Amino acid sequence: MTKAPPRRAKIQDVAEAAGVAIKTVSRVLNNEPNVREETRQRVLAIVKKLNYHPSLSARSLAGRRSFLIGLIYENPSANYIVDVQHGAMARCREDRFQLLMHQVTGKGEEMERDVLGLVDQTHLDGLIVTAPLSESVDLMRALDRRALPFVRVAPNDAPHPTPYVDMDDAGAAREMTEYLIGLGHRRIGFIVGHPDHFASGQRLVGYQAALAAHGIEFQERYVRQGYFIFESGMEAARELLTQADPPTAIFASNDDMAAGVLMAAHELGFSVPERLSVAGFDDTYIAKTVWPRLTTVHQPTYDLAYTATNLLLQMLQTGAAPQSMRLGYRLVCRASTAVVHK
């Protein structure tokens, strides 16, 4: 005879074992104020002992929330999106929120309809808006009309009162370019990121600023347009490396494109780093798995998403917009760059 599965603990069981009202248990689980710390700890101990897991629907009814946060993205780099997802999900789990990832399609009004349709159909408590969606003034206005709390990741410089999290893209690109200059490189190629991303322009600004600071003439022939994907980096590198006077170093605006540069260099017989130094941006998983491993800018992608989610949860709890934050970066020097060979 098949043994019946053990009965799943209910909120009534937790309340009875802890000697408190069901409403008190609900307040503890929803991390609400006005609960004595001794009571909170007793309830949490019983929750753990009984292995109680509140259903999302029950929490929603008790707290008048969906406990569902959306994260929308359009970035074509899978490595970037994985880091963003992990960062946001880690913070959601701490407060027992669910995370809904949604890839936005279309441009302009079609994009706005896509996002607003998501909001209306799922009853999200709030939204994390990543670049380049975070740069759309029209989308920000549409979300304002819905009165939906949201936090932006890496927006542009258009003013908006909602909080955001970003990093200094121009400063990071300048520092990486100066690192290559310090290795003796003077012919430094640069692959620009997707033209729809504000960060792409900022990284180009940083590259140009470093050249100017060291008295190196900026030459358009050493710059190519990329789209943050492997194939665009490979194609751009082929064009740069088949010139009569090719660069001795190529700095790509993300790691996916830098991996494409490595592929093109291998195809064309440019040994890395002996004949060509290659640098990327982001420090995603691919930077550690290609050969040689990439020198790159460590963008705190995980931390950007984690911090953005934290700001959003603060907004939901207090009803007030917290201060925006800028996170740091660092250069990670690996085997793909070396002193230039004269």
C-alpha atoms as a PDB file:
ATOM      1  CA  MET A   1       0.000   0.000   0.000  1.00  0.00           C
ATOM      2  CA  THR A   2       1.378   3.402  -1.007  1.00  0.00           C
ATOM      3  CA  LYS A   3       2.224   5.624   1.926  1.00  0.00           C
ATOM      4  CA  ALA A   4       0.493   8.991   1.886  1.00  0.00           C
ATOM      5  CA  PRO A   5       2.843  11.981   1.616  1.00  0.00           C
ATOM      6  CA  PRO A   6       3.300  14.044   4.792  1.00  0.00           C
ATOM      7  CA  ARG A   7       0.865  16.920   5.216  1.00  0.00           C
ATOM      8  CA  ARG A   8       2.269  20.277   4.152  1.00  0.00           C
ATOM      9  CA  ALA A   9       2.510  22.779   7.000  1.00  0.00           C
ATOM     10  CA  LYS A  10       0.041  25.662   6.920  1.00  0.00           C
ATOM     11  CA  ILE A  11       0.253  29.167   8.300  1.00  0.00           C
ATOM     12  CA  GLN A  12      -2.197  28.144  11.042  1.00  0.00           C
ATOM     13  CA  ASP A  13       0.308  25.501  12.194  1.00  0.00           C
ATOM     14  CA  VAL A  14       3.062  28.115  12.446  1.00  0.00           C
ATOM     15  CA  ALA A  15       0.830  30.523  14.375  1.00  0.00           C
ATOM     16  CA  GLU A  16      -0.273  27.825  16.819  1.00  0.00           C
ATOM     17  CA  ALA A  17       3.263  26.544  17.443  1.00  0.00           C
ATOM     18  CA  ALA A  18       4.620  30.073  17.943  1.00  0.00           C
ATOM     19  CA  GLY A  19       1.689  31.165  20.108  1.00  0.00           C
ATOM     20  CA  VAL A  20       0.853  34.173  17.935  1.00  0.00           C
ATOM     21  CA  ALA A  21      -1.925  35.290  15.630  1.00  0.00           C
ATOM     22  CA  ILE A  22      -1.924  34.348  11.939  1.00  0.00           C
ATOM     23  CA  LYS A  23      -1.603  38.050  11.093  1.00  0.00           C
ATOM     24  CA  THR A  24       1.628  38.208  13.096  1.00  0.00           C
ATOM     25  CA  VAL A  25       3.069  35.308  11.141  1.00  0.00           C
ATOM     26  CA  SER A  26       2.099  37.103   7.927  1.00  0.00           C
ATOM     27  CA  ARG A  27       3.834  40.288   9.079  1.00  0.00           C
ATOM     28  CA  VAL A  28       7.013  38.400   9.884  1.00  0.00           C
ATOM     29  CA  LEU A  29       7.038  36.595   6.533  1.00  0.00           C
ATOM     30  CA  ASN A  30       6.429  39.865   4.691  1.00  0.00           C
ATOM     31  CA  ASN A  31       9.210  41.548   6.675  1.00  0.00           C
ATOM     32  CA  GLU A  32       6.835  44.228   7.932  1.00  0.00           C
ATOM     33  CA  PRO A  33       7.647  46.565  10.854  1.00  0.00           C
ATOM     34  CA  ASN A  34       5.881  46.705  14.243  1.00  0.00           C
ATOM     35  CA  VAL A  35       6.809  43.143  15.263  1.00  0.00           C
ATOM     36  CA  ARG A  36       8.924  42.609  18.366  1.00  0.00           C
ATOM     37  CA  GLU A  37      12.303  41.104  17.549  1.00  0.00           C
ATOM     38  CA  GLU A  38      11.790  38.274  20.040  1.00  0.00           C
ATOM     39  CA  THR A  39       8.491  37.378  18.359  1.00  0.00           C
ATOM     40  CA  ARG A  40      10.027  37.643  14.895  1.00  0.00           C
ATOM     41  CA  GLN A  41      12.828  35.245  15.778  1.00  0.00           C
ATOM     42  CA  ARG A  42      10.418  32.773  17.414  1.00  0.00           C
ATOM     43  CA  VAL A  43       8.188  32.736  14.332  1.00  0.00           C
ATOM     44  CA  LEU A  44      11.138  32.289  11.969  1.00  0.00           C
ATOM     45  CA  ALA A  45      12.421  29.393  14.084  1.00  0.00           C
ATOM     46  CA  ILE A  46       9.028  27.655  13.835  1.00  0.00           C
ATOM     47  CA  VAL A  47       8.882  28.326  10.079  1.00  0.00           C
ATOM     48  CA  LYS A  48      12.226  26.586   9.685  1.00  0.00           C
ATOM     49  CA  LYS A  49      11.293  23.710  12.010  1.00  0.00           C
ATOM     50  CA  LEU A  50       8.020  23.005  10.193  1.00  0.00           C
ATOM     51  CA  ASN A  51       9.608  23.615   6.774  1.00  0.00           C
ATOM     52  CA  TYR A  52       6.788  26.026   6.037  1.00  0.00           C
ATOM     53  CA  HIS A  53       6.752  27.694   2.611  1.00  0.00           C
ATOM     54  CA  PRO A  54       4.023  30.313   2.135  1.00  0.00           C
ATOM     55  CA  SER A  55       2.318  30.265  -1.240  1.00  0.00           C
ATOM     56  CA  LEU A  56       2.722  33.338  -3.420  1.00  0.00           C
ATOM     57  CA  SER A  57      -1.047  33.771  -3.627  1.00  0.00           C
ATOM     58  CA  ALA A  58      -1.405  33.714   0.154  1.00  0.00           C
ATOM     59  CA  ARG A  59       1.306  36.315   0.606  1.00  0.00           C
ATOM     60  CA  SER A  60      -0.295  38.462  -2.086  1.00  0.00           C
ATOM     61  CA  LEU A  61      -3.667  38.441  -0.353  1.00  0.00           C
ATOM     62  CA  ALA A  62      -2.126  39.213   3.020  1.00  0.00           C
ATOM     63  CA  GLY A  63       0.183  41.990   1.848  1.00  0.00           C
ATOM     64  CA  ARG A  64      -1.826  43.422  -1.070  1.00  0.00           C
ATOM     65  CA  ARG A  65       1.167  42.812  -3.299  1.00  0.00           C
ATOM     66  CA  SER A  66       2.015  40.338  -6.023  1.00  0.00           C
ATOM     67  CA  PHE A  67       5.552  39.832  -4.634  1.00  0.00           C
ATOM     68  CA  LEU A  68       6.598  39.731  -8.259  1.00  0.00           C
ATOM     69  CA  ILE A  69       9.305  41.962  -9.732  1.00  0.00           C
ATOM     70  CA  GLY A  70       9.942  42.260 -13.454  1.00  0.00           C
ATOM     71  CA  LEU A  71      13.306  42.687 -15.138  1.00  0.00           C
ATOM     72  CA  ILE A  72      13.199  43.794 -18.761  1.00  0.00           C
ATOM     73  CA  TYR A  73      16.143  43.606 -21.137  1.00  0.00           C
ATOM     74  CA  GLU A  74      17.104  43.985 -24.776  1.00  0.00           C
ATOM     75  CA  ASN A  75      20.881  43.499 -24.554  1.00  0.00           C
ATOM     76  CA  PRO A  76      22.046  40.937 -27.149  1.00  0.00           C
ATOM     77  CA  SER A  77      24.914  39.620 -24.976  1.00  0.00           C
ATOM     78  CA  ALA A  78      23.834  36.379 -23.302  1.00  0.00           C
ATOM     79  CA  ASN A  79      26.782  36.541 -20.892  1.00  0.00           C
ATOM     80  CA  TYR A  80      25.712  39.990 -19.680  1.00  0.00           C
ATOM     81  CA  ILE A  81      22.091  38.925 -19.215  1.00  0.00           C
ATOM     82  CA  VAL A  82      23.046  35.855 -17.161  1.00  0.00           C
ATOM     83  CA  ASP A  83      24.995  38.021 -14.699  1.00  0.00           C
ATOM     84  CA  VAL A  84      22.113  40.517 -14.489  1.00  0.00           C
ATOM     85  CA  GLN A  85      19.608  37.739 -13.850  1.00  0.00           C
ATOM     86  CA  HIS A  86      21.712  36.151 -11.106  1.00  0.00           C
ATOM     87  CA  GLY A  87      22.230  39.467  -9.320  1.00  0.00           C
ATOM     88  CA  ALA A  88      18.560  40.423  -9.343  1.00  0.00           C
ATOM     89  CA  MET A  89      17.429  36.935  -8.393  1.00  0.00           C
ATOM     90  CA  ALA A  90      19.779  36.740  -5.422  1.00  0.00           C
ATOM     91  CA  ARG A  91      18.328  39.925  -3.917  1.00  0.00           C
ATOM     92  CA  CYS A  92      14.738  38.845  -4.628  1.00  0.00           C
ATOM     93  CA  ARG A  93      15.266  35.571  -2.796  1.00  0.00           C
ATOM     94  CA  GLU A  94      16.379  37.378   0.340  1.00  0.00           C
ATOM     95  CA  ASP A  95      12.927  38.971   0.651  1.00  0.00           C
ATOM     96  CA  ARG A  96      11.077  36.008  -0.904  1.00  0.00           C
ATOM     97  CA  PHE A  97      10.076  37.901  -4.050  1.00  0.00           C
ATOM     98  CA  GLN A  98       9.773  36.227  -7.435  1.00  0.00           C
ATOM     99  CA  LEU A  99      11.651  37.548 -10.474  1.00  0.00           C
ATOM    100  CA  LEU A 100      10.136  37.622 -13.945  1.00  0.00           C
ATOM    101  CA  MET A 101      12.631  38.070 -16.795  1.00  0.00           C
ATOM    102  CA  HIS A 102      11.230  39.517 -20.011  1.00  0.00           C
ATOM    103  CA  GLN A 103      13.029  40.159 -23.296  1.00  0.00           C
ATOM    104  CA  VAL A 104      11.514  43.216 -24.928  1.00  0.00           C
ATOM    105  CA  THR A 105      10.922  43.253 -28.654  1.00  0.00           C
ATOM    106  CA  GLY A 106      10.341  46.065 -31.103  1.00  0.00           C
ATOM    107  CA  LYS A 107      11.146  49.758 -31.009  1.00  0.00           C
ATOM    108  CA  GLY A 108       9.261  52.930 -30.118  1.00  0.00           C
ATOM    109  CA  GLU A 109       5.545  52.445 -29.549  1.00  0.00           C
ATOM    110  CA  GLU A 110       5.781  48.691 -30.131  1.00  0.00           C
ATOM    111  CA  MET A 111       8.368  48.423 -27.356  1.00  0.00           C
ATOM    112  CA  GLU A 112       6.201  50.500 -25.010  1.00  0.00           C
ATOM    113  CA  ARG A 113       3.161  48.318 -25.707  1.00  0.00           C
ATOM    114  CA  ASP A 114       5.224  45.225 -24.972  1.00  0.00           C
ATOM    115  CA  VAL A 115       6.390  46.546 -21.594  1.00  0.00           C
ATOM    116  CA  LEU A 116       3.024  47.970 -20.538  1.00  0.00           C
ATOM    117  CA  GLY A 117       1.304  44.742 -21.581  1.00  0.00           C
ATOM    118  CA  LEU A 118       3.666  42.848 -19.292  1.00  0.00           C
ATOM    119  CA  VAL A 119       2.900  45.237 -16.417  1.00  0.00           C
ATOM    120  CA  ASP A 120      -0.867  45.005 -16.864  1.00  0.00           C
ATOM    121  CA  GLN A 121      -1.024  41.237 -17.303  1.00  0.00           C
ATOM    122  CA  THR A 122       1.223  40.279 -14.386  1.00  0.00           C
ATOM    123  CA  HIS A 123       0.427  42.965 -11.783  1.00  0.00           C
ATOM    124  CA  LEU A 124       4.093  43.533 -11.016  1.00  0.00           C
ATOM    125  CA  ASP A 125       5.022  45.326  -7.806  1.00  0.00           C
ATOM    126  CA  GLY A 126       7.928  47.002  -9.561  1.00  0.00           C
ATOM    127  CA  LEU A 127      10.282  46.880 -12.517  1.00  0.00           C
ATOM    128  CA  ILE A 128      14.033  46.824 -13.129  1.00  0.00           C
ATOM    129  CA  VAL A 129      14.822  48.467 -16.454  1.00  0.00           C
ATOM    130  CA  THR A 130      18.193  47.619 -17.996  1.00  0.00           C
ATOM    131  CA  ALA A 131      20.036  49.398 -20.809  1.00  0.00           C
ATOM    132  CA  PRO A 132      19.244  50.393 -23.503  1.00  0.00           C
ATOM    133  CA  LEU A 133      15.592  50.373 -22.377  1.00  0.00           C
ATOM    134  CA  SER A 134      16.590  52.524 -19.410  1.00  0.00           C
ATOM    135  CA  GLU A 135      17.556  55.242 -21.887  1.00  0.00           C
ATOM    136  CA  SER A 136      14.071  55.606 -23.392  1.00  0.00           C
ATOM    137  CA  VAL A 137      12.418  58.819 -22.194  1.00  0.00           C
ATOM    138  CA  ASP A 138       9.094  57.741 -23.719  1.00  0.00           C
ATOM    139  CA  LEU A 139       9.159  54.445 -21.807  1.00  0.00           C
ATOM    140  CA  MET A 140       9.927  56.264 -18.552  1.00  0.00           C
ATOM    141  CA  ARG A 141       6.939  58.539 -19.105  1.00  0.00           C
ATOM    142  CA  ALA A 142       4.696  55.557 -19.875  1.00  0.00           C
ATOM    143  CA  LEU A 143       5.752  53.842 -16.643  1.00  0.00           C
ATOM    144  CA  ASP A 144       5.180  57.088 -14.751  1.00  0.00           C
ATOM    145  CA  ARG A 145       1.606  57.145 -16.031  1.00  0.00           C
ATOM    146  CA  ARG A 146       1.138  53.641 -14.634  1.00  0.00           C
ATOM    147  CA  ALA A 147       2.540  54.854 -11.279  1.00  0.00           C
ATOM    148  CA  LEU A 148       4.717  51.750 -11.207  1.00  0.00           C
ATOM    149  CA  PRO A 149       7.909  51.891  -9.088  1.00  0.00           C
ATOM    150  CA  PHE A 150      10.979  51.184 -11.196  1.00  0.00           C
ATOM    151  CA  VAL A 151      14.759  51.435 -11.021  1.00  0.00           C
ATOM    152  CA  ARG A 152      17.037  51.943 -14.009  1.00  0.00           C
ATOM    153  CA  VAL A 153      20.335  50.188 -14.690  1.00  0.00           C
ATOM    154  CA  ALA A 154      22.943  52.177 -16.645  1.00  0.00           C
ATOM    155  CA  PRO A 155      20.660  54.911 -18.006  1.00  0.00           C
ATOM    156  CA  ASN A 156      21.714  57.832 -20.172  1.00  0.00           C
ATOM    157  CA  ASP A 157      22.086  61.404 -18.912  1.00  0.00           C
ATOM    158  CA  ALA A 158      18.458  62.393 -19.548  1.00  0.00           C
ATOM    159  CA  PRO A 159      17.066  63.677 -16.230  1.00  0.00           C
ATOM    160  CA  HIS A 160      14.435  61.571 -14.464  1.00  0.00           C
ATOM    161  CA  PRO A 161      13.550  61.426 -10.754  1.00  0.00           C
ATOM    162  CA  THR A 162      13.613  57.639 -10.437  1.00  0.00           C
ATOM    163  CA  PRO A 163      16.723  56.063  -8.880  1.00  0.00           C
ATOM    164  CA  TYR A 164      19.354  54.302 -10.960  1.00  0.00           C
ATOM    165  CA  VAL A 165      22.568  52.309 -10.642  1.00  0.00           C
ATOM    166  CA  ASP A 166      25.485  52.773 -13.026  1.00  0.00           C
ATOM    167  CA  MET A 167      29.258  52.826 -13.433  1.00  0.00           C
ATOM    168  CA  ASP A 168      31.744  55.199 -15.061  1.00  0.00           C
ATOM    169  CA  ASP A 169      31.976  53.761 -18.577  1.00  0.00           C
ATOM    170  CA  ALA A 170      34.058  56.628 -19.930  1.00  0.00           C
ATOM    171  CA  GLY A 171      36.504  56.432 -17.024  1.00  0.00           C
ATOM    172  CA  ALA A 172      36.850  52.664 -17.357  1.00  0.00           C
ATOM    173  CA  ALA A 173      37.504  52.829 -21.111  1.00  0.00           C
ATOM    174  CA  ARG A 174      40.027  55.607 -20.609  1.00  0.00           C
ATOM    175  CA  GLU A 175      41.868  53.557 -17.977  1.00  0.00           C
ATOM    176  CA  MET A 176      41.999  50.488 -20.198  1.00  0.00           C
ATOM    177  CA  THR A 177      43.277  52.528 -23.153  1.00  0.00           C
ATOM    178  CA  GLU A 178      45.932  54.096 -20.924  1.00  0.00           C
ATOM    179  CA  TYR A 179      46.952  50.622 -19.793  1.00  0.00           C
ATOM    180  CA  LEU A 180      47.534  49.654 -23.433  1.00  0.00           C
ATOM    181  CA  ILE A 181      49.442  52.885 -24.026  1.00  0.00           C
ATOM    182  CA  GLY A 182      51.563  52.031 -20.999  1.00  0.00           C
ATOM    183  CA  LEU A 183      52.498  48.755 -22.684  1.00  0.00           C
ATOM    184  CA  GLY A 184      53.913  50.801 -25.560  1.00  0.00           C
ATOM    185  CA  HIS A 185      50.984  50.584 -27.989  1.00  0.00           C
ATOM    186  CA  ARG A 186      50.322  53.622 -30.167  1.00  0.00           C
ATOM    187  CA  ARG A 187      48.184  52.093 -32.922  1.00  0.00           C
ATOM    188  CA  ILE A 188      45.191  51.021 -30.852  1.00  0.00           C
ATOM    189  CA  GLY A 189      42.060  49.855 -32.600  1.00  0.00           C
ATOM    190  CA  PHE A 190      38.682  50.368 -30.971  1.00  0.00           C
ATOM    191  CA  ILE A 191      35.414  48.545 -31.620  1.00  0.00           C
ATOM    192  CA  VAL A 192      32.403  50.606 -30.589  1.00  0.00           C
ATOM    193  CA  GLY A 193      29.411  48.913 -28.961  1.00  0.00           C
ATOM    194  CA  HIS A 194      25.832  48.922 -30.202  1.00  0.00           C
ATOM    195  CA  PRO A 195      24.862  52.428 -31.400  1.00  0.00           C
ATOM    196  CA  ASP A 196      21.591  52.290 -29.433  1.00  0.00           C
ATOM    197  CA  HIS A 197      23.443  52.018 -26.097  1.00  0.00           C
ATOM    198  CA  PHE A 198      24.498  55.178 -24.266  1.00  0.00           C
ATOM    199  CA  ALA A 199      27.406  53.263 -22.701  1.00  0.00           C
ATOM    200  CA  SER A 200      28.851  52.622 -26.181  1.00  0.00           C
ATOM    201  CA  GLY A 201      29.341  56.323 -26.771  1.00  0.00           C
ATOM    202  CA  GLN A 202      30.791  56.808 -23.301  1.00  0.00           C
ATOM    203  CA  ARG A 203      33.391  54.102 -23.869  1.00  0.00           C
ATOM    204  CA  LEU A 204      34.400  55.725 -27.151  1.00  0.00           C
ATOM    205  CA  VAL A 205      34.747  59.038 -25.291  1.00  0.00           C
ATOM    206  CA  GLY A 206      37.062  57.379 -22.771  1.00  0.00           C
ATOM    207  CA  TYR A 207      39.202  55.859 -25.519  1.00  0.00           C
ATOM    208  CA  GLN A 208      39.546  59.209 -27.283  1.00  0.00           C
ATOM    209  CA  ALA A 209      40.341  61.009 -24.015  1.00  0.00           C
ATOM    210  CA  ALA A 210      43.199  58.624 -23.265  1.00  0.00           C
ATOM    211  CA  LEU A 211      44.706  59.108 -26.722  1.00  0.00           C
ATOM    212  CA  ALA A 212      44.488  62.879 -26.389  1.00  0.00           C
ATOM    213  CA  ALA A 213      46.033  62.852 -22.922  1.00  0.00           C
ATOM    214  CA  HIS A 214      49.081  61.023 -24.287  1.00  0.00           C
ATOM    215  CA  GLY A 215      49.448  63.068 -27.462  1.00  0.00           C
ATOM    216  CA  ILE A 216      48.326  60.261 -29.778  1.00  0.00           C
ATOM    217  CA  GLU A 217      46.336  61.349 -32.812  1.00  0.00           C
ATOM    218  CA  PHE A 218      42.826  59.902 -33.018  1.00  0.00           C
ATOM    219  CA  GLN A 219      42.412  58.141 -36.369  1.00  0.00           C
ATOM    220  CA  GLU A 220      39.026  57.068 -37.668  1.00  0.00           C
ATOM    221  CA  ARG A 221      40.602  54.175 -39.580  1.00  0.00           C
ATOM    222  CA  TYR A 222      41.341  52.444 -36.282  1.00  0.00           C
ATOM    223  CA  VAL A 223      37.696  52.584 -35.158  1.00  0.00           C
ATOM    224  CA  ARG A 224      34.953  50.202 -36.249  1.00  0.00           C
ATOM    225  CA  GLN A 225      31.282  49.890 -35.359  1.00  0.00           C
ATOM    226  CA  GLY A 226      30.231  46.766 -33.464  1.00  0.00           C
ATOM    227  CA  TYR A 227      26.944  45.502 -32.018  1.00  0.00           C
ATOM    228  CA  PHE A 228      27.975  43.766 -28.792  1.00  0.00           C
ATOM    229  CA  ILE A 229      27.918  40.341 -30.471  1.00  0.00           C
ATOM    230  CA  PHE A 230      30.748  37.953 -31.384  1.00  0.00           C
ATOM    231  CA  GLU A 231      30.266  38.176 -35.145  1.00  0.00           C
ATOM    232  CA  SER A 232      30.500  41.974 -35.206  1.00  0.00           C
ATOM    233  CA  GLY A 233      33.780  41.856 -33.287  1.00  0.00           C
ATOM    234  CA  MET A 234      35.212  39.295 -35.680  1.00  0.00           C
ATOM    235  CA  GLU A 235      34.198  41.295 -38.759  1.00  0.00           C
ATOM    236  CA  ALA A 236      35.527  44.555 -37.328  1.00  0.00           C
ATOM    237  CA  ALA A 237      38.847  42.925 -36.438  1.00  0.00           C
ATOM    238  CA  ARG A 238      39.218  41.509 -39.951  1.00  0.00           C
ATOM    239  CA  GLU A 239      38.848  45.029 -41.354  1.00  0.00           C
ATOM    240  CA  LEU A 240      41.307  46.498 -38.851  1.00  0.00           C
ATOM    241  CA  LEU A 241      43.946  43.803 -39.243  1.00  0.00           C
ATOM    242  CA  THR A 242      43.980  43.761 -43.054  1.00  0.00           C
ATOM    243  CA  GLN A 243      44.959  47.438 -43.297  1.00  0.00           C
ATOM    244  CA  ALA A 244      48.398  48.342 -44.561  1.00  0.00           C
ATOM    245  CA  ASP A 245      49.424  49.536 -41.087  1.00  0.00           C
ATOM    246  CA  PRO A 246      47.270  47.474 -38.688  1.00  0.00           C
ATOM    247  CA  PRO A 247      46.883  48.216 -34.994  1.00  0.00           C
ATOM    248  CA  THR A 248      49.126  46.482 -32.478  1.00  0.00           C
ATOM    249  CA  ALA A 249      46.254  46.379 -29.972  1.00  0.00           C
ATOM    250  CA  ILE A 250      42.483  46.213 -30.274  1.00  0.00           C
ATOM    251  CA  PHE A 251      40.142  47.262 -27.464  1.00  0.00           C
ATOM    252  CA  ALA A 252      36.598  45.957 -27.945  1.00  0.00           C
ATOM    253  CA  SER A 253      33.651  47.460 -26.061  1.00  0.00           C
ATOM    254  CA  ASN A 254      32.560  44.117 -24.643  1.00  0.00           C
ATOM    255  CA  ASP A 255      33.964  40.622 -24.153  1.00  0.00           C
ATOM    256  CA  ASP A 256      31.790  38.978 -26.796  1.00  0.00           C
ATOM    257  CA  MET A 257      33.299  41.242 -29.471  1.00  0.00           C
ATOM    258  CA  ALA A 258      36.793  40.793 -28.004  1.00  0.00           C
ATOM    259  CA  ALA A 259      36.346  37.029 -28.398  1.00  0.00           C
ATOM    260  CA  GLY A 260      35.499  37.725 -32.047  1.00  0.00           C
ATOM    261  CA  VAL A 261      38.759  39.693 -32.325  1.00  0.00           C
ATOM    262  CA  LEU A 262      40.684  36.661 -31.048  1.00  0.00           C
ATOM    263  CA  MET A 263      39.032  34.472 -33.684  1.00  0.00           C
ATOM    264  CA  ALA A 264      39.913  36.901 -36.481  1.00  0.00           C
ATOM    265  CA  ALA A 265      43.485  37.215 -35.211  1.00  0.00           C
ATOM    266  CA  HIS A 266      43.928  33.436 -35.233  1.00  0.00           C
ATOM    267  CA  GLU A 267      42.487  33.226 -38.757  1.00  0.00           C
ATOM    268  CA  LEU A 268      44.813  35.944 -40.068  1.00  0.00           C
ATOM    269  CA  GLY A 269      47.947  34.655 -38.338  1.00  0.00           C
ATOM    270  CA  PHE A 270      48.274  37.394 -35.708  1.00  0.00           C
ATOM    271  CA  SER A 271      49.612  35.695 -32.578  1.00  0.00           C
ATOM    272  CA  VAL A 272      48.075  37.032 -29.342  1.00  0.00           C
ATOM    273  CA  PRO A 273      49.592  38.750 -27.419  1.00  0.00           C
ATOM    274  CA  GLU A 274      52.970  38.603 -29.204  1.00  0.00           C
ATOM    275  CA  ARG A 275      51.818  40.426 -32.320  1.00  0.00           C
ATOM    276  CA  LEU A 276      48.437  41.746 -31.210  1.00  0.00           C
ATOM    277  CA  SER A 277      47.114  42.651 -27.778  1.00  0.00           C
ATOM    278  CA  VAL A 278      43.365  42.265 -27.237  1.00  0.00           C
ATOM    279  CA  ALA A 279      41.236  43.809 -24.478  1.00  0.00           C
ATOM    280  CA  GLY A 280      37.542  43.546 -23.714  1.00  0.00           C
ATOM    281  CA  PHE A 281      34.954  45.049 -21.405  1.00  0.00           C
ATOM    282  CA  ASP A 282      32.571  43.479 -18.824  1.00  0.00           C
ATOM    283  CA  ASP A 283      34.599  40.514 -17.468  1.00  0.00           C
ATOM    284  CA  THR A 284      31.862  38.042 -18.284  1.00  0.00           C
ATOM    285  CA  TYR A 285      32.245  34.256 -18.297  1.00  0.00           C
ATOM    286  CA  ILE A 286      33.597  34.224 -21.845  1.00  0.00           C
ATOM    287  CA  ALA A 287      36.627  36.334 -20.794  1.00  0.00           C
ATOM    288  CA  LYS A 288      37.896  33.410 -18.708  1.00  0.00           C
ATOM    289  CA  THR A 289      37.126  30.639 -21.205  1.00  0.00           C
ATOM    290  CA  VAL A 290      38.717  31.912 -24.452  1.00  0.00           C
ATOM    291  CA  TRP A 291      42.409  31.514 -25.151  1.00  0.00           C
ATOM    292  CA  PRO A 292      44.351  33.476 -24.303  1.00  0.00           C
ATOM    293  CA  ARG A 293      42.187  34.662 -21.423  1.00  0.00           C
ATOM    294  CA  LEU A 294      41.049  38.214 -21.900  1.00  0.00           C
ATOM    295  CA  THR A 295      42.362  41.347 -20.296  1.00  0.00           C
ATOM    296  CA  THR A 296      39.168  43.275 -19.627  1.00  0.00           C
ATOM    297  CA  VAL A 297      37.330  45.842 -17.541  1.00  0.00           C
ATOM    298  CA  HIS A 298      35.434  44.190 -14.728  1.00  0.00           C
ATOM    299  CA  GLN A 299      31.992  45.740 -14.903  1.00  0.00           C
ATOM    300  CA  PRO A 300      30.102  44.810 -11.704  1.00  0.00           C
ATOM    301  CA  THR A 301      27.124  43.473 -13.685  1.00  0.00           C
ATOM    302  CA  TYR A 302      25.932  41.147 -10.920  1.00  0.00           C
ATOM    303  CA  ASP A 303      26.256  43.936  -8.344  1.00  0.00           C
ATOM    304  CA  LEU A 304      24.497  46.458 -10.598  1.00  0.00           C
ATOM    305  CA  ALA A 305      21.458  44.188 -10.813  1.00  0.00           C
ATOM    306  CA  TYR A 306      21.595  43.250  -7.125  1.00  0.00           C
ATOM    307  CA  THR A 307      21.823  46.907  -6.084  1.00  0.00           C
ATOM    308  CA  ALA A 308      19.052  47.992  -8.458  1.00  0.00           C
ATOM    309  CA  THR A 309      16.786  45.302  -7.010  1.00  0.00           C
ATOM    310  CA  ASN A 310      17.688  46.403  -3.501  1.00  0.00           C
ATOM    311  CA  LEU A 311      16.752  50.003  -4.317  1.00  0.00           C
ATOM    312  CA  LEU A 312      13.438  48.825  -5.766  1.00  0.00           C
ATOM    313  CA  LEU A 313      12.619  46.793  -2.659  1.00  0.00           C
ATOM    314  CA  GLN A 314      13.427  49.836  -0.532  1.00  0.00           C
ATOM    315  CA  MET A 315      10.972  51.867  -2.590  1.00  0.00           C
ATOM    316  CA  LEU A 316       8.269  49.251  -2.098  1.00  0.00           C
ATOM    317  CA  GLN A 317       8.848  49.191   1.646  1.00  0.00           C
ATOM    318  CA  THR A 318       9.160  52.927   2.340  1.00  0.00           C
ATOM    319  CA  GLY A 319       7.260  54.522  -0.535  1.00  0.00           C
ATOM    320  CA  ALA A 320      10.172  56.919  -1.065  1.00  0.00           C
ATOM    321  CA  ALA A 321      12.820  56.935  -3.803  1.00  0.00           C
ATOM    322  CA  PRO A 322      16.308  56.092  -2.460  1.00  0.00           C
ATOM    323  CA  GLN A 323      19.508  57.733  -3.662  1.00  0.00           C
ATOM    324  CA  SER A 324      20.990  56.569  -6.957  1.00  0.00           C
ATOM    325  CA  MET A 325      24.320  54.749  -6.793  1.00  0.00           C
ATOM    326  CA  ARG A 326      27.474  54.524  -8.886  1.00  0.00           C
ATOM    327  CA  LEU A 327      29.493  51.331  -8.515  1.00  0.00           C
ATOM    328  CA  GLY A 328      33.205  50.897  -9.088  1.00  0.00           C
ATOM    329  CA  TYR A 329      35.064  48.945 -11.770  1.00  0.00           C
ATOM    330  CA  ARG A 330      38.544  47.487 -12.052  1.00  0.00           C
ATOM    331  CA  LEU A 331      40.967  46.399 -14.735  1.00  0.00           C
ATOM    332  CA  VAL A 332      41.617  42.666 -14.915  1.00  0.00           C
ATOM    333  CA  CYS A 333      44.916  41.966 -16.652  1.00  0.00           C
ATOM    334  CA  ARG A 334      45.252  38.515 -18.194  1.00  0.00           C
ATOM    335  CA  ALA A 335      47.237  36.839 -20.971  1.00  0.00           C
ATOM    336  CA  SER A 336      45.740  38.588 -24.027  1.00  0.00           C
ATOM    337  CA  THR A 337      47.829  41.787 -23.636  1.00  0.00           C
ATOM    338  CA  ALA A 338      51.576  42.337 -23.555  1.00  0.00           C
ATOM    339  CA  VAL A 339      54.293  44.921 -24.180  1.00  0.00           C
ATOM    340  CA  VAL A 340      54.345  45.907 -27.836  1.00  0.00           C
ATOM    341  CA  HIS A 341      57.085  44.406 -29.999  1.00  0.00           C
ATOM    342  CA  LYS A 342      58.879  47.139 -31.915  1.00  0.00           C
END
